[in-house]
PDB file of N, CA and C in Angstrom:
ATOM      1  N   MET A   1      42.035  19.485 -38.904  1.00  0.00           N
ATOM      2  CA  MET A   1      42.839  20.511 -39.523  1.00  0.00           C
ATOM      3  C   MET A   1      42.788  21.789 -38.699  1.00  0.00           C
ATOM      4  N   ALA A   2      41.571  22.113 -38.236  1.00  0.00           N
ATOM      5  CA  ALA A   2      41.411  23.243 -37.321  1.00  0.00           C
ATOM      6  C   ALA A   2      40.111  23.050 -36.564  1.00  0.00           C
ATOM      7  N   SER A   3      40.110  23.501 -35.327  1.00  0.00           N
ATOM      8  CA  SER A   3      38.873  23.461 -34.548  1.00  0.00           C
ATOM      9  C   SER A   3      38.813  24.686 -33.652  1.00  0.00           C
ATOM     10  N   LEU A   4      37.598  25.143 -33.399  1.00  0.00           N
ATOM     11  CA  LEU A   4      37.368  26.276 -32.519  1.00  0.00           C
ATOM     12  C   LEU A   4      36.348  25.878 -31.468  1.00  0.00           C
ATOM     13  N   THR A   5      36.535  26.378 -30.276  1.00  0.00           N
ATOM     14  CA  THR A   5      35.498  26.211 -29.268  1.00  0.00           C
ATOM     15  C   THR A   5      34.340  27.140 -29.644  1.00  0.00           C
ATOM     16  N   LYS A   6      33.208  26.930 -29.018  1.00  0.00           N
ATOM     17  CA  LYS A   6      32.065  27.807 -29.305  1.00  0.00           C
ATOM     18  C   LYS A   6      32.398  29.274 -29.023  1.00  0.00           C
ATOM     19  N   PRO A   7      33.034  29.616 -27.888  1.00  0.00           N
ATOM     20  CA  PRO A   7      33.393  31.029 -27.668  1.00  0.00           C
ATOM     21  C   PRO A   7      34.366  31.575 -28.727  1.00  0.00           C
ATOM     22  N   GLU A   8      35.292  30.746 -29.207  1.00  0.00           N
ATOM     23  CA  GLU A   8      36.249  31.204 -30.225  1.00  0.00           C
ATOM     24  C   GLU A   8      35.565  31.543 -31.542  1.00  0.00           C
ATOM     25  N   VAL A   9      34.477  30.862 -31.873  1.00  0.00           N
ATOM     26  CA  VAL A   9      33.759  31.146 -33.121  1.00  0.00           C
ATOM     27  C   VAL A   9      33.307  32.609 -33.147  1.00  0.00           C
ATOM     28  N   TYR A  10      32.998  33.169 -31.992  1.00  0.00           N
ATOM     29  CA  TYR A  10      32.523  34.549 -31.888  1.00  0.00           C
ATOM     30  C   TYR A  10      33.659  35.572 -31.879  1.00  0.00           C
ATOM     31  N   ASN A  11      34.908  35.124 -31.768  1.00  0.00           N
ATOM     32  CA  ASN A  11      36.065  36.014 -31.680  1.00  0.00           C
ATOM     33  C   ASN A  11      36.533  36.395 -33.090  1.00  0.00           C
ATOM     34  N   PRO A  12      36.440  37.676 -33.474  1.00  0.00           N
ATOM     35  CA  PRO A  12      36.833  38.071 -34.830  1.00  0.00           C
ATOM     36  C   PRO A  12      38.328  37.924 -35.107  1.00  0.00           C
ATOM     37  N   HIS A  13      39.145  37.854 -34.068  1.00  0.00           N
ATOM     38  CA  HIS A  13      40.594  37.756 -34.257  1.00  0.00           C
ATOM     39  C   HIS A  13      41.059  36.332 -34.558  1.00  0.00           C
ATOM     40  N   ILE A  14      40.163  35.366 -34.485  1.00  0.00           N
ATOM     41  CA  ILE A  14      40.533  33.969 -34.705  1.00  0.00           C
ATOM     42  C   ILE A  14      40.358  33.555 -36.176  1.00  0.00           C
ATOM     43  N   LEU A  15      39.712  34.401 -36.978  1.00  0.00           N
ATOM     44  CA  LEU A  15      39.445  34.080 -38.381  1.00  0.00           C
ATOM     45  C   LEU A  15      40.690  33.639 -39.152  1.00  0.00           C
ATOM     46  N   PRO A  16      41.870  34.263 -38.985  1.00  0.00           N
ATOM     47  CA  PRO A  16      43.050  33.823 -39.740  1.00  0.00           C
ATOM     48  C   PRO A  16      43.402  32.346 -39.532  1.00  0.00           C
ATOM     49  N   LYS A  17      43.153  31.819 -38.353  1.00  0.00           N
ATOM     50  CA  LYS A  17      43.418  30.396 -38.095  1.00  0.00           C
ATOM     51  C   LYS A  17      42.552  29.522 -38.999  1.00  0.00           C
ATOM     52  N   VAL A  18      41.303  29.898 -39.159  1.00  0.00           N
ATOM     53  CA  VAL A  18      40.387  29.123 -39.998  1.00  0.00           C
ATOM     54  C   VAL A  18      40.702  29.362 -41.473  1.00  0.00           C
ATOM     55  N   GLU A  19      41.065  30.584 -41.834  1.00  0.00           N
ATOM     56  CA  GLU A  19      41.449  30.883 -43.218  1.00  0.00           C
ATOM     57  C   GLU A  19      42.632  30.023 -43.647  1.00  0.00           C
ATOM     58  N   LYS A  20      43.621  29.892 -42.778  1.00  0.00           N
ATOM     59  CA  LYS A  20      44.803  29.078 -43.094  1.00  0.00           C
ATOM     60  C   LYS A  20      44.405  27.630 -43.348  1.00  0.00           C
ATOM     61  N   ALA A  21      43.558  27.083 -42.495  1.00  0.00           N
ATOM     62  CA  ALA A  21      43.113  25.699 -42.666  1.00  0.00           C
ATOM     63  C   ALA A  21      42.262  25.551 -43.922  1.00  0.00           C
ATOM     64  N   ALA A  22      41.413  26.528 -44.205  1.00  0.00           N
ATOM     65  CA  ALA A  22      40.530  26.456 -45.374  1.00  0.00           C
ATOM     66  C   ALA A  22      41.312  26.521 -46.678  1.00  0.00           C
ATOM     67  N   CYS A  23      42.459  27.163 -46.670  1.00  0.00           N
ATOM     68  CA  CYS A  23      43.292  27.272 -47.877  1.00  0.00           C
ATOM     69  C   CYS A  23      44.127  26.021 -48.125  1.00  0.00           C
ATOM     70  N   ASP A  24      44.217  25.152 -47.146  1.00  0.00           N
ATOM     71  CA  ASP A  24      44.956  23.898 -47.304  1.00  0.00           C
ATOM     72  C   ASP A  24      44.234  23.045 -48.346  1.00  0.00           C
ATOM     73  N   PRO A  25      44.947  22.522 -49.341  1.00  0.00           N
ATOM     74  CA  PRO A  25      44.286  21.738 -50.389  1.00  0.00           C
ATOM     75  C   PRO A  25      43.594  20.473 -49.877  1.00  0.00           C
ATOM     76  N   ARG A  26      43.942  20.020 -48.686  1.00  0.00           N
ATOM     77  CA  ARG A  26      43.292  18.831 -48.122  1.00  0.00           C
ATOM     78  C   ARG A  26      41.954  19.155 -47.466  1.00  0.00           C
ATOM     79  N   ALA A  27      41.680  20.426 -47.206  1.00  0.00           N
ATOM     80  CA  ALA A  27      40.429  20.835 -46.550  1.00  0.00           C
ATOM     81  C   ALA A  27      39.243  20.543 -47.464  1.00  0.00           C
ATOM     82  N   LYS A  28      38.170  20.017 -46.884  1.00  0.00           N
ATOM     83  CA  LYS A  28      36.983  19.675 -47.671  1.00  0.00           C
ATOM     84  C   LYS A  28      35.702  20.308 -47.147  1.00  0.00           C
ATOM     85  N   THR A  29      35.571  20.426 -45.816  1.00  0.00           N
ATOM     86  CA  THR A  29      34.306  20.864 -45.232  1.00  0.00           C
ATOM     87  C   THR A  29      34.547  21.687 -43.974  1.00  0.00           C
ATOM     88  N   ILE A  30      33.724  22.700 -43.786  1.00  0.00           N
ATOM     89  CA  ILE A  30      33.656  23.415 -42.519  1.00  0.00           C
ATOM     90  C   ILE A  30      32.330  23.024 -41.879  1.00  0.00           C
ATOM     91  N   ILE A  31      32.411  22.533 -40.645  1.00  0.00           N
ATOM     92  CA  ILE A  31      31.216  22.103 -39.917  1.00  0.00           C
ATOM     93  C   ILE A  31      31.062  22.988 -38.685  1.00  0.00           C
ATOM     94  N   VAL A  32      29.861  23.508 -38.491  1.00  0.00           N
ATOM     95  CA  VAL A  32      29.558  24.371 -37.349  1.00  0.00           C
ATOM     96  C   VAL A  32      28.470  23.709 -36.514  1.00  0.00           C
ATOM     97  N   HIS A  33      28.609  23.811 -35.202  1.00  0.00           N
ATOM     98  CA  HIS A  33      27.588  23.268 -34.301  1.00  0.00           C
ATOM     99  C   HIS A  33      26.363  24.177 -34.325  1.00  0.00           C
ATOM    100  N   ASP A  34      25.209  23.578 -34.273  1.00  0.00           N
ATOM    101  CA  ASP A  34      23.936  24.289 -34.336  1.00  0.00           C
ATOM    102  C   ASP A  34      23.746  25.301 -33.201  1.00  0.00           C
ATOM    103  N   ASP A  35      24.467  25.169 -32.101  1.00  0.00           N
ATOM    104  CA  ASP A  35      24.357  26.119 -30.987  1.00  0.00           C
ATOM    105  C   ASP A  35      24.923  27.497 -31.330  1.00  0.00           C
ATOM    106  N   VAL A  36      25.740  27.581 -32.370  1.00  0.00           N
ATOM    107  CA  VAL A  36      26.380  28.839 -32.751  1.00  0.00           C
ATOM    108  C   VAL A  36      25.389  29.673 -33.572  1.00  0.00           C
ATOM    109  N   ARG A  37      25.242  30.939 -33.212  1.00  0.00           N
ATOM    110  CA  ARG A  37      24.309  31.824 -33.929  1.00  0.00           C
ATOM    111  C   ARG A  37      24.803  32.112 -35.350  1.00  0.00           C
ATOM    112  N   HIS A  38      23.844  32.294 -36.263  1.00  0.00           N
ATOM    113  CA  HIS A  38      24.161  32.525 -37.671  1.00  0.00           C
ATOM    114  C   HIS A  38      25.085  33.723 -37.869  1.00  0.00           C
ATOM    115  N   GLU A  39      24.838  34.809 -37.167  1.00  0.00           N
ATOM    116  CA  GLU A  39      25.678  35.998 -37.358  1.00  0.00           C
ATOM    117  C   GLU A  39      27.123  35.750 -36.956  1.00  0.00           C
ATOM    118  N   ALA A  40      27.370  34.740 -36.133  1.00  0.00           N
ATOM    119  CA  ALA A  40      28.742  34.397 -35.745  1.00  0.00           C
ATOM    120  C   ALA A  40      29.415  33.516 -36.781  1.00  0.00           C
ATOM    121  N   TYR A  41      28.657  32.655 -37.441  1.00  0.00           N
ATOM    122  CA  TYR A  41      29.299  31.733 -38.380  1.00  0.00           C
ATOM    123  C   TYR A  41      29.176  32.141 -39.836  1.00  0.00           C
ATOM    124  N   GLU A  42      28.454  33.212 -40.167  1.00  0.00           N
ATOM    125  CA  GLU A  42      28.278  33.558 -41.574  1.00  0.00           C
ATOM    126  C   GLU A  42      29.602  33.879 -42.266  1.00  0.00           C
ATOM    127  N   LYS A  43      30.579  34.428 -41.528  1.00  0.00           N
ATOM    128  CA  LYS A  43      31.892  34.710 -42.144  1.00  0.00           C
ATOM    129  C   LYS A  43      32.606  33.415 -42.529  1.00  0.00           C
ATOM    130  N   TYR A  44      32.377  32.353 -41.754  1.00  0.00           N
ATOM    131  CA  TYR A  44      32.981  31.056 -42.063  1.00  0.00           C
ATOM    132  C   TYR A  44      32.256  30.386 -43.232  1.00  0.00           C
ATOM    133  N   GLU A  45      30.962  30.619 -43.325  1.00  0.00           N
ATOM    134  CA  GLU A  45      30.187  30.117 -44.462  1.00  0.00           C
ATOM    135  C   GLU A  45      30.687  30.767 -45.757  1.00  0.00           C
ATOM    136  N   LYS A  46      30.926  32.069 -45.711  1.00  0.00           N
ATOM    137  CA  LYS A  46      31.468  32.792 -46.866  1.00  0.00           C
ATOM    138  C   LYS A  46      32.867  32.280 -47.211  1.00  0.00           C
ATOM    139  N   LEU A  47      33.684  32.060 -46.196  1.00  0.00           N
ATOM    140  CA  LEU A  47      35.036  31.538 -46.391  1.00  0.00           C
ATOM    141  C   LEU A  47      34.996  30.175 -47.083  1.00  0.00           C
ATOM    142  N   ALA A  48      34.078  29.323 -46.666  1.00  0.00           N
ATOM    143  CA  ALA A  48      33.940  28.008 -47.294  1.00  0.00           C
ATOM    144  C   ALA A  48      33.604  28.162 -48.772  1.00  0.00           C
ATOM    145  N   LYS A  49      32.658  29.023 -49.078  1.00  0.00           N
ATOM    146  CA  LYS A  49      32.249  29.234 -50.472  1.00  0.00           C
ATOM    147  C   LYS A  49      33.411  29.760 -51.306  1.00  0.00           C
ATOM    148  N   GLU A  50      34.158  30.710 -50.765  1.00  0.00           N
ATOM    149  CA  GLU A  50      35.293  31.303 -51.482  1.00  0.00           C
ATOM    150  C   GLU A  50      36.396  30.287 -51.770  1.00  0.00           C
ATOM    151  N   ASN A  51      36.499  29.258 -50.938  1.00  0.00           N
ATOM    152  CA  ASN A  51      37.551  28.259 -51.094  1.00  0.00           C
ATOM    153  C   ASN A  51      37.048  26.936 -51.664  1.00  0.00           C
ATOM    154  N   GLY A  52      35.806  26.914 -52.126  1.00  0.00           N
ATOM    155  CA  GLY A  52      35.258  25.708 -52.740  1.00  0.00           C
ATOM    156  C   GLY A  52      35.026  24.570 -51.760  1.00  0.00           C
ATOM    157  N   LEU A  53      34.795  24.904 -50.489  1.00  0.00           N
ATOM    158  CA  LEU A  53      34.566  23.886 -49.469  1.00  0.00           C
ATOM    159  C   LEU A  53      33.074  23.718 -49.212  1.00  0.00           C
ATOM    160  N   GLN A  54      32.708  22.556 -48.735  1.00  0.00           N
ATOM    161  CA  GLN A  54      31.344  22.346 -48.279  1.00  0.00           C
ATOM    162  C   GLN A  54      31.190  23.042 -46.937  1.00  0.00           C
ATOM    163  N   PHE A  55      29.959  23.418 -46.617  1.00  0.00           N
ATOM    164  CA  PHE A  55      29.671  24.049 -45.328  1.00  0.00           C
ATOM    165  C   PHE A  55      28.425  23.401 -44.762  1.00  0.00           C
ATOM    166  N   THR A  56      28.509  22.988 -43.497  1.00  0.00           N
ATOM    167  CA  THR A  56      27.405  22.276 -42.863  1.00  0.00           C
ATOM    168  C   THR A  56      27.198  22.787 -41.446  1.00  0.00           C
ATOM    169  N   VAL A  57      25.936  22.941 -41.073  1.00  0.00           N
ATOM    170  CA  VAL A  57      25.579  23.215 -39.683  1.00  0.00           C
ATOM    171  C   VAL A  57      24.980  21.926 -39.149  1.00  0.00           C
ATOM    172  N   ARG A  58      25.555  21.413 -38.086  1.00  0.00           N
ATOM    173  CA  ARG A  58      25.135  20.117 -37.531  1.00  0.00           C
ATOM    174  C   ARG A  58      24.469  20.274 -36.184  1.00  0.00           C
ATOM    175  N   TYR A  59      23.430  19.500 -35.992  1.00  0.00           N
ATOM    176  CA  TYR A  59      22.775  19.421 -34.689  1.00  0.00           C
ATOM    177  C   TYR A  59      22.836  17.984 -34.213  1.00  0.00           C
ATOM    178  N   ASN A  60      23.367  17.788 -33.020  1.00  0.00           N
ATOM    179  CA  ASN A  60      23.409  16.467 -32.412  1.00  0.00           C
ATOM    180  C   ASN A  60      23.084  16.640 -30.932  1.00  0.00           C
ATOM    181  N   PRO A  61      21.884  16.260 -30.517  1.00  0.00           N
ATOM    182  CA  PRO A  61      21.495  16.469 -29.122  1.00  0.00           C
ATOM    183  C   PRO A  61      22.338  15.682 -28.121  1.00  0.00           C
ATOM    184  N   ASP A  62      23.040  14.661 -28.586  1.00  0.00           N
ATOM    185  CA  ASP A  62      23.887  13.864 -27.701  1.00  0.00           C
ATOM    186  C   ASP A  62      25.264  14.484 -27.485  1.00  0.00           C
ATOM    187  N   TYR A  63      25.645  15.451 -28.322  1.00  0.00           N
ATOM    188  CA  TYR A  63      26.960  16.077 -28.206  1.00  0.00           C
ATOM    189  C   TYR A  63      26.963  17.051 -27.031  1.00  0.00           C
ATOM    190  N   LYS A  64      27.914  16.898 -26.139  1.00  0.00           N
ATOM    191  CA  LYS A  64      27.992  17.734 -24.937  1.00  0.00           C
ATOM    192  C   LYS A  64      29.287  18.541 -24.861  1.00  0.00           C
ATOM    193  N   GLY A  65      30.093  18.541 -25.891  1.00  0.00           N
ATOM    194  CA  GLY A  65      31.385  19.212 -25.854  1.00  0.00           C
ATOM    195  C   GLY A  65      31.310  20.696 -26.132  1.00  0.00           C
ATOM    196  N   ASP A  66      32.479  21.326 -26.205  1.00  0.00           N
ATOM    197  CA  ASP A  66      32.581  22.767 -26.392  1.00  0.00           C
ATOM    198  C   ASP A  66      33.037  23.144 -27.801  1.00  0.00           C
ATOM    199  N   ILE A  67      33.242  22.184 -28.686  1.00  0.00           N
ATOM    200  CA  ILE A  67      33.692  22.490 -30.043  1.00  0.00           C
ATOM    201  C   ILE A  67      32.537  23.114 -30.825  1.00  0.00           C
ATOM    202  N   GLY A  68      32.822  24.264 -31.441  1.00  0.00           N
ATOM    203  CA  GLY A  68      31.798  24.976 -32.191  1.00  0.00           C
ATOM    204  C   GLY A  68      32.001  24.937 -33.687  1.00  0.00           C
ATOM    205  N   LEU A  69      33.253  24.701 -34.135  1.00  0.00           N
ATOM    206  CA  LEU A  69      33.549  24.698 -35.571  1.00  0.00           C
ATOM    207  C   LEU A  69      34.756  23.816 -35.816  1.00  0.00           C
ATOM    208  N   VAL A  70      34.713  23.068 -36.914  1.00  0.00           N
ATOM    209  CA  VAL A  70      35.875  22.294 -37.346  1.00  0.00           C
ATOM    210  C   VAL A  70      36.043  22.434 -38.848  1.00  0.00           C
ATOM    211  N   VAL A  71      37.284  22.432 -39.280  1.00  0.00           N
ATOM    212  CA  VAL A  71      37.632  22.328 -40.697  1.00  0.00           C
ATOM    213  C   VAL A  71      38.180  20.925 -40.863  1.00  0.00           C
ATOM    214  N   VAL A  72      37.554  20.144 -41.748  1.00  0.00           N
ATOM    215  CA  VAL A  72      37.925  18.739 -41.870  1.00  0.00           C
ATOM    216  C   VAL A  72      38.354  18.395 -43.293  1.00  0.00           C
ATOM    217  N   SER A  73      39.089  17.307 -43.367  1.00  0.00           N
ATOM    218  CA  SER A  73      39.553  16.734 -44.623  1.00  0.00           C
ATOM    219  C   SER A  73      38.887  15.382 -44.796  1.00  0.00           C
ATOM    220  N   ASP A  74      38.903  14.860 -45.998  1.00  0.00           N
ATOM    221  CA  ASP A  74      38.388  13.506 -46.208  1.00  0.00           C
ATOM    222  C   ASP A  74      39.521  12.486 -46.228  1.00  0.00           C
ATOM    223  N   GLN A  75      40.704  12.923 -45.804  1.00  0.00           N
ATOM    224  CA  GLN A  75      41.853  12.028 -45.721  1.00  0.00           C
ATOM    225  C   GLN A  75      42.576  12.257 -44.396  1.00  0.00           C
ATOM    226  N   ALA A  76      43.393  11.330 -44.014  1.00  0.00           N
ATOM    227  CA  ALA A  76      44.145  11.456 -42.764  1.00  0.00           C
ATOM    228  C   ALA A  76      45.109  12.633 -42.858  1.00  0.00           C
ATOM    229  N   VAL A  77      45.171  13.414 -41.801  1.00  0.00           N
ATOM    230  CA  VAL A  77      46.046  14.583 -41.749  1.00  0.00           C
ATOM    231  C   VAL A  77      46.956  14.432 -40.545  1.00  0.00           C
ATOM    232  N   GLU A  78      48.246  14.644 -40.761  1.00  0.00           N
ATOM    233  CA  GLU A  78      49.208  14.531 -39.654  1.00  0.00           C
ATOM    234  C   GLU A  78      49.281  15.809 -38.864  1.00  0.00           C
TER     235      GLU A  78
END
């Protein structure tokens, strides 16, 4: 539904993109990579709570990509 690179998570101007995805009725969870500092993702944690979404910080030592945050659904999204 939406994804941010790790550098984008720190950009305050990108929040509207995540807000739009979080307001979608299909949105279920916001997942943040453990590499992202708490002060950078706390606004997304608050956004999840305000929209009734789950919020998770994930650590996977095998993950080598640049994605820092995703808004996901539990159903297929076109």
